[in-house]
Amino acid sequence: MGKPASPPSRRDSNLAPRARQASWDDIRIFNAIAIGGSMAVAAAQLGLSEATVARRLKALERDLGLQLFMREANRLVPTSAGSQLADEAREVDTAAHRFLARAEAARPLSNAPVRITATTSISLFLTMHATAISAASGGVEIVIISTRNRLDLARGEADIALRMTKVPEEPGHYAQKVGRLMQALYVRRDVDPDTAPIISVSRETSSRIDEYIMTYAAGRPIAARVGDSAARYESIRSAGALSMAPCFMADTDRNLRRLQPPPDQTGDDIYLVSHDVSRGRPGVIAVLAALRKLFREHQARLIGSWVEAERDR
């Protein structure tokens, strides 16, 4: 019988290359390339030179023993391994932003403004009552960010959000229903609703509103489609169109008349959303309380139950 094989020596066991731990900077650069699709885009985003990004990527691939990208038509495309690691890199990047946001929120800035993000219609409602919100919160400065994009509270992109759909379920978020936004059909008082041009919305914006307006139109042509509710209100007021607008806007306009009660199927619940990242700040706590008070006091206007007799008085 031959001699049994000798166990591998310590020296032999060191022959296989071992990947070193990638630093956070390595992962950040890799993530920027994966998202941007090129070293130039990543370099611009990170504030580095393209040569530095290329050198760091080459070193990372060498250390990991993996090819992370393939070059295709002036674009870097992740390899199979690169694609899998890109998912992990995004999570690391999100965690890093959350870390910085929490650190920023924890800083004792007594005069830091409180940033509120909302859709255009709710932003207009907030703007109408901005001074009342600030006064009710003890003079806190507020910043109203009007956007349809869902700013990430966990990453500190805003401190408070007012949303009507897809309330976050991730840990750290707090959501409370504070009201309901109703819309109705309006036309200017000097315009015949039977001949007024009709403005609807795209189905991507709101299929419910589009279906309601189309049913009312009963085959009449649609002159235009306008996604923004504040813009639809302006088209009714200025262009003599017939369309749907939020009740809190149109009911207070003496030149407009409501054609029908606000249909429930086109209404939206309003949620006040905050996150652990900033909800511990005294200013944010005060503004949250002021917003709850505001929506409670103006519930009738938001849902369109404000009495017509009072409006015309």
Protein backbone atom coordinates (compact mmCIF):
# COMPACT_ATOMS: atom_id res chain seq x y z
CA MET A 1 0.00 0.00 0.00
CA GLY A 2 1.21 3.48 -0.71
CA LYS A 3 1.71 6.03 1.92
CA PRO A 4 -1.34 8.13 2.83
CA ALA A 5 -1.43 11.58 1.31
CA SER A 6 0.14 14.21 3.48
CA PRO A 7 -2.19 16.91 4.78
CA PRO A 8 -1.75 20.22 3.05
CA SER A 9 0.87 22.37 4.63
CA ARG A 10 0.14 25.81 5.94
CA ARG A 11 2.09 27.14 3.02
CA ASP A 12 -0.08 25.20 0.51
CA SER A 13 -3.27 26.49 2.11
CA ASN A 14 -2.15 30.04 1.44
CA LEU A 15 -1.83 29.45 -2.30
CA ALA A 16 -5.56 30.12 -3.01
CA PRO A 17 -6.22 33.84 -3.34
CA ARG A 18 -8.53 35.30 -0.74
CA ALA A 19 -10.62 38.41 -1.32
CA ARG A 20 -9.95 41.20 1.13
CA GLN A 21 -12.81 43.07 2.71
CA ALA A 22 -14.12 45.78 0.42
CA SER A 23 -14.19 49.19 2.06
CA TRP A 24 -17.33 51.34 2.15
CA ASP A 25 -15.66 53.64 -0.36
CA ASP A 26 -15.09 50.69 -2.72
CA ILE A 27 -18.75 49.71 -2.44
CA ARG A 28 -19.86 53.31 -2.93
CA ILE A 29 -17.84 53.61 -6.14
CA PHE A 30 -19.05 50.22 -7.39
CA ASN A 31 -22.67 51.21 -6.64
CA ALA A 32 -22.32 54.53 -8.48
CA ILE A 33 -20.98 52.75 -11.57
CA ALA A 34 -23.74 50.13 -11.44
CA ILE A 35 -26.42 52.84 -11.26
CA GLY A 36 -24.88 55.29 -13.70
CA GLY A 37 -23.66 52.75 -16.22
CA SER A 38 -20.32 54.46 -16.79
CA MET A 39 -17.24 55.62 -14.96
CA ALA A 40 -17.78 59.18 -16.16
CA VAL A 41 -21.26 59.38 -14.63
CA ALA A 42 -20.04 57.77 -11.41
CA ALA A 43 -17.09 60.15 -11.21
CA ALA A 44 -19.34 63.20 -11.66
CA GLN A 45 -21.75 61.95 -8.99
CA LEU A 46 -19.01 61.21 -6.49
CA GLY A 47 -16.88 64.28 -7.20
CA LEU A 48 -13.89 62.17 -8.23
CA SER A 49 -11.81 62.02 -11.37
CA GLU A 50 -12.66 59.34 -13.91
CA ALA A 51 -9.10 58.01 -13.59
CA THR A 52 -9.57 57.55 -9.84
CA VAL A 53 -12.84 55.68 -10.36
CA ALA A 54 -11.25 53.42 -12.99
CA ARG A 55 -8.27 52.71 -10.74
CA ARG A 56 -10.45 51.90 -7.72
CA LEU A 57 -12.70 49.61 -9.76
CA LYS A 58 -9.71 47.73 -11.16
CA ALA A 59 -8.29 47.31 -7.66
CA LEU A 60 -11.64 46.09 -6.33
CA GLU A 61 -11.99 43.51 -9.11
CA ARG A 62 -8.44 42.34 -8.45
CA ASP A 63 -8.99 42.04 -4.72
CA LEU A 64 -12.31 40.21 -5.13
CA GLY A 65 -11.04 37.98 -7.90
CA LEU A 66 -14.12 38.83 -9.96
CA GLN A 67 -14.94 40.71 -13.12
CA LEU A 68 -17.75 43.04 -12.14
CA PHE A 69 -18.55 44.76 -15.45
CA MET A 70 -18.45 44.16 -19.19
CA ARG A 71 -18.07 47.04 -21.64
CA GLU A 72 -20.91 47.26 -24.17
CA ALA A 73 -21.43 50.20 -26.55
CA ASN A 74 -19.99 52.90 -24.29
CA ARG A 75 -21.77 51.47 -21.27
CA LEU A 76 -20.60 49.26 -18.44
CA VAL A 77 -22.98 46.35 -17.87
CA PRO A 78 -22.70 44.28 -14.67
CA THR A 79 -21.66 40.67 -15.07
CA SER A 80 -23.75 37.97 -13.40
CA ALA A 81 -21.65 38.29 -10.25
CA GLY A 82 -21.64 42.08 -10.54
CA SER A 83 -25.42 42.17 -10.82
CA GLN A 84 -25.84 40.17 -7.63
CA LEU A 85 -23.34 42.35 -5.77
CA ALA A 86 -25.06 45.49 -7.10
CA ASP A 87 -28.21 44.54 -5.15
CA GLU A 88 -26.14 44.28 -1.98
CA ALA A 89 -24.33 47.54 -2.76
CA ARG A 90 -27.64 49.40 -3.01
CA GLU A 91 -28.59 48.17 0.45
CA VAL A 92 -25.24 49.28 1.84
CA ASP A 93 -25.67 52.70 0.20
CA THR A 94 -29.18 53.05 1.65
CA ALA A 95 -27.92 52.10 5.10
CA ALA A 96 -25.08 54.62 4.83
CA HIS A 97 -27.50 57.42 3.87
CA ARG A 98 -29.78 56.42 6.74
CA PHE A 99 -26.81 56.55 9.11
CA LEU A 100 -25.91 60.07 7.99
CA ALA A 101 -29.55 61.20 8.08
CA ARG A 102 -29.96 59.95 11.64
CA ALA A 103 -26.75 61.69 12.64
CA GLU A 104 -27.94 64.93 11.02
CA ALA A 105 -31.35 64.66 12.69
CA ALA A 106 -29.71 64.09 16.07
CA ARG A 107 -27.76 67.33 15.91
CA PRO A 108 -29.14 69.94 18.31
CA LEU A 109 -30.24 72.46 15.69
CA SER A 110 -33.04 74.33 17.42
CA ASN A 111 -33.74 76.58 14.45
CA ALA A 112 -33.61 73.93 11.70
CA PRO A 113 -36.59 74.26 9.32
CA VAL A 114 -39.04 71.37 9.10
CA ARG A 115 -39.44 70.07 5.55
CA ILE A 116 -42.91 68.86 4.52
CA THR A 117 -43.39 66.99 1.24
CA ALA A 118 -46.80 66.67 -0.40
CA THR A 119 -48.55 66.51 -3.77
CA THR A 120 -49.39 69.78 -5.52
CA SER A 121 -52.98 70.00 -4.27
CA ILE A 122 -52.07 69.32 -0.62
CA SER A 123 -49.05 71.63 -0.94
CA LEU A 124 -51.39 74.40 -2.03
CA PHE A 125 -53.62 73.71 0.98
CA LEU A 126 -50.57 73.88 3.25
CA THR A 127 -49.40 77.08 1.58
CA MET A 128 -52.80 78.68 2.21
CA HIS A 129 -52.27 77.97 5.92
CA ALA A 130 -48.47 78.15 6.17
CA THR A 131 -48.41 81.03 8.65
CA ALA A 132 -50.99 79.27 10.84
CA ILE A 133 -48.90 76.08 10.85
CA SER A 134 -45.78 78.00 11.84
CA ALA A 135 -47.61 79.94 14.55
CA ALA A 136 -49.27 76.82 15.98
CA SER A 137 -45.87 75.10 16.16
CA GLY A 138 -44.28 77.93 18.11
CA GLY A 139 -42.78 79.84 15.20
CA VAL A 140 -40.96 76.90 13.58
CA GLU A 141 -39.89 77.63 10.01
CA ILE A 142 -41.45 75.19 7.56
CA VAL A 143 -40.40 74.28 4.02
CA ILE A 144 -43.14 72.94 1.74
CA ILE A 145 -41.81 70.63 -0.98
CA SER A 146 -44.41 70.18 -3.72
CA THR A 147 -43.70 67.01 -5.69
CA ARG A 148 -45.33 63.84 -6.93
CA ASN A 149 -42.07 62.00 -6.21
CA ARG A 150 -42.05 60.02 -2.98
CA LEU A 151 -39.23 61.58 -1.01
CA ASP A 152 -37.56 59.10 1.35
CA LEU A 153 -38.06 60.08 4.98
CA ALA A 154 -35.70 57.29 6.10
CA ARG A 155 -32.92 58.94 4.11
CA GLY A 156 -33.73 62.38 5.45
CA GLU A 157 -34.98 63.79 2.13
CA ALA A 158 -37.86 65.35 4.07
CA ASP A 159 -39.04 65.39 7.69
CA ILE A 160 -42.79 64.94 7.22
CA ALA A 161 -44.86 63.62 4.31
CA LEU A 162 -48.54 63.99 3.50
CA ARG A 163 -49.51 61.08 1.28
CA MET A 164 -52.69 59.69 -0.15
CA THR A 165 -51.55 56.27 -1.36
CA LYS A 166 -48.96 53.60 -0.52
CA VAL A 167 -48.27 54.48 3.08
CA PRO A 168 -44.83 53.04 4.01
CA GLU A 169 -44.88 49.82 6.01
CA GLU A 170 -41.15 49.65 6.65
CA PRO A 171 -39.95 49.82 10.26
CA GLY A 172 -39.47 53.32 11.63
CA HIS A 173 -42.39 54.92 9.76
CA TYR A 174 -45.46 56.30 11.51
CA ALA A 175 -48.64 57.05 9.58
CA GLN A 176 -51.93 58.55 10.77
CA LYS A 177 -55.02 59.31 8.71
CA VAL A 178 -55.79 63.01 9.18
CA GLY A 179 -58.47 63.66 6.59
CA ARG A 180 -59.88 62.99 3.16
CA LEU A 181 -59.51 65.03 -0.03
CA MET A 182 -62.63 65.17 -2.16
CA GLN A 183 -63.04 66.53 -5.67
CA ALA A 184 -66.14 67.51 -7.63
CA LEU A 185 -67.17 68.76 -11.05
CA TYR A 186 -67.14 72.54 -11.41
CA VAL A 187 -67.82 75.10 -14.09
CA ARG A 188 -67.70 78.87 -14.13
CA ARG A 189 -71.04 80.51 -13.36
CA ASP A 190 -71.12 82.36 -16.68
CA VAL A 191 -70.44 79.19 -18.70
CA ASP A 192 -73.04 76.69 -19.91
CA PRO A 193 -71.95 73.23 -18.66
CA ASP A 194 -73.63 71.61 -21.68
CA THR A 195 -71.23 73.35 -24.07
CA ALA A 196 -68.15 73.93 -21.90
CA PRO A 197 -64.95 72.21 -23.06
CA ILE A 198 -64.23 69.20 -20.89
CA ILE A 199 -60.85 68.57 -19.29
CA SER A 200 -60.07 65.15 -17.86
CA VAL A 201 -56.88 63.48 -16.59
CA SER A 202 -54.67 60.74 -17.95
CA ARG A 203 -55.52 57.28 -16.66
CA GLU A 204 -51.96 57.02 -15.34
CA THR A 205 -52.66 60.02 -13.09
CA SER A 206 -56.06 58.84 -11.84
CA SER A 207 -58.18 56.26 -13.60
CA ARG A 208 -60.97 56.92 -11.08
CA ILE A 209 -61.25 60.62 -11.96
CA ASP A 210 -60.96 59.90 -15.67
CA GLU A 211 -63.73 57.30 -15.53
CA TYR A 212 -66.01 59.67 -13.61
CA ILE A 213 -65.46 62.56 -16.03
CA MET A 214 -65.88 60.30 -19.07
CA THR A 215 -69.17 59.01 -17.68
CA TYR A 216 -70.40 62.57 -17.14
CA ALA A 217 -69.26 63.59 -20.63
CA ALA A 218 -71.46 60.84 -22.14
CA GLY A 219 -69.61 60.85 -25.44
CA ARG A 220 -68.74 64.54 -25.61
CA PRO A 221 -65.14 65.13 -26.73
CA ILE A 222 -62.35 65.71 -24.23
CA ALA A 223 -60.51 68.95 -24.96
CA ALA A 224 -57.41 68.16 -22.89
CA ARG A 225 -56.05 66.00 -20.10
CA VAL A 226 -54.39 67.74 -17.15
CA GLY A 227 -52.86 65.68 -14.36
CA ASP A 228 -52.34 68.38 -11.75
CA SER A 229 -55.50 69.20 -9.79
CA ALA A 230 -54.47 72.81 -9.14
CA ALA A 231 -53.95 73.26 -12.89
CA ARG A 232 -57.41 71.80 -13.57
CA TYR A 233 -58.87 74.33 -11.16
CA GLU A 234 -57.12 77.10 -13.08
CA SER A 235 -58.51 75.76 -16.38
CA ILE A 236 -62.04 75.98 -14.94
CA ARG A 237 -61.49 79.47 -13.56
CA SER A 238 -59.55 81.01 -16.44
CA ALA A 239 -60.46 79.01 -19.56
CA GLY A 240 -64.12 78.31 -18.86
CA ALA A 241 -63.60 74.56 -18.88
CA LEU A 242 -65.61 71.90 -17.07
CA SER A 243 -63.50 69.62 -14.92
CA MET A 244 -62.88 68.19 -11.46
CA ALA A 245 -61.04 70.18 -8.80
CA PRO A 246 -60.46 69.78 -5.06
CA CYS A 247 -63.43 71.09 -3.09
CA PHE A 248 -61.28 73.20 -0.76
CA MET A 249 -60.13 75.21 -3.80
CA ALA A 250 -63.26 75.53 -5.87
CA ASP A 251 -65.89 75.85 -3.14
CA THR A 252 -64.33 79.11 -1.95
CA ASP A 253 -64.37 80.61 -5.46
CA ARG A 254 -67.59 82.59 -5.86
CA ASN A 255 -67.21 82.56 -9.66
CA LEU A 256 -67.54 78.77 -9.80
CA ARG A 257 -70.43 76.44 -9.16
CA ARG A 258 -70.41 72.80 -8.29
CA LEU A 259 -72.41 70.61 -10.67
CA GLN A 260 -72.72 67.52 -8.48
CA PRO A 261 -71.85 66.41 -4.96
CA PRO A 262 -68.27 65.16 -4.66
CA PRO A 263 -68.24 61.46 -5.61
CA ASP A 264 -66.75 59.21 -2.96
CA GLN A 265 -64.99 57.02 -5.53
CA THR A 266 -62.66 59.84 -6.56
CA GLY A 267 -61.72 60.84 -3.01
CA ASP A 268 -58.37 60.15 -1.36
CA ASP A 269 -57.52 59.54 2.28
CA ILE A 270 -54.78 61.83 3.58
CA TYR A 271 -52.05 60.34 5.78
CA LEU A 272 -49.56 62.21 7.92
CA VAL A 273 -46.28 60.28 7.75
CA SER A 274 -43.11 60.70 9.80
CA HIS A 275 -40.03 58.63 10.54
CA ASP A 276 -37.75 57.87 13.47
CA VAL A 277 -34.96 59.72 11.68
CA SER A 278 -36.46 63.13 12.47
CA ARG A 279 -39.60 62.70 14.55
CA GLY A 280 -37.59 63.09 17.78
CA ARG A 281 -36.75 66.72 16.97
CA PRO A 282 -38.85 69.20 18.97
CA GLY A 283 -39.59 71.24 15.84
CA VAL A 284 -40.88 68.19 13.95
CA ILE A 285 -43.04 67.16 16.90
CA ALA A 286 -44.54 70.66 17.07
CA VAL A 287 -45.26 70.78 13.32
CA LEU A 288 -46.87 67.32 13.41
CA ALA A 289 -49.23 68.55 16.13
CA ALA A 290 -49.97 71.73 14.16
CA LEU A 291 -50.79 69.70 11.03
CA ARG A 292 -53.16 67.41 12.93
CA LYS A 293 -54.94 70.49 14.26
CA LEU A 294 -55.10 72.09 10.80
CA PHE A 295 -56.66 69.08 9.11
CA ARG A 296 -59.10 68.58 11.97
CA GLU A 297 -60.29 72.19 11.76
CA HIS A 298 -60.63 72.18 7.96
CA GLN A 299 -62.17 68.76 7.49
CA ALA A 300 -65.45 70.20 6.14
CA ARG A 301 -63.68 72.16 3.39
CA LEU A 302 -61.52 69.21 2.39
CA ILE A 303 -64.45 66.82 2.01
CA GLY A 304 -66.71 69.39 0.35
CA SER A 305 -69.38 69.55 3.04
CA TRP A 306 -69.03 73.29 3.48
CA VAL A 307 -72.59 74.66 3.26
CA GLU A 308 -73.39 76.39 -0.04
CA ALA A 309 -75.52 78.96 1.76
CA GLU A 310 -72.52 79.97 3.87
CA ARG A 311 -70.37 80.18 0.76
CA ASP A 312 -72.78 82.54 -1.04
CA ARG A 313 -73.52 84.63 2.01
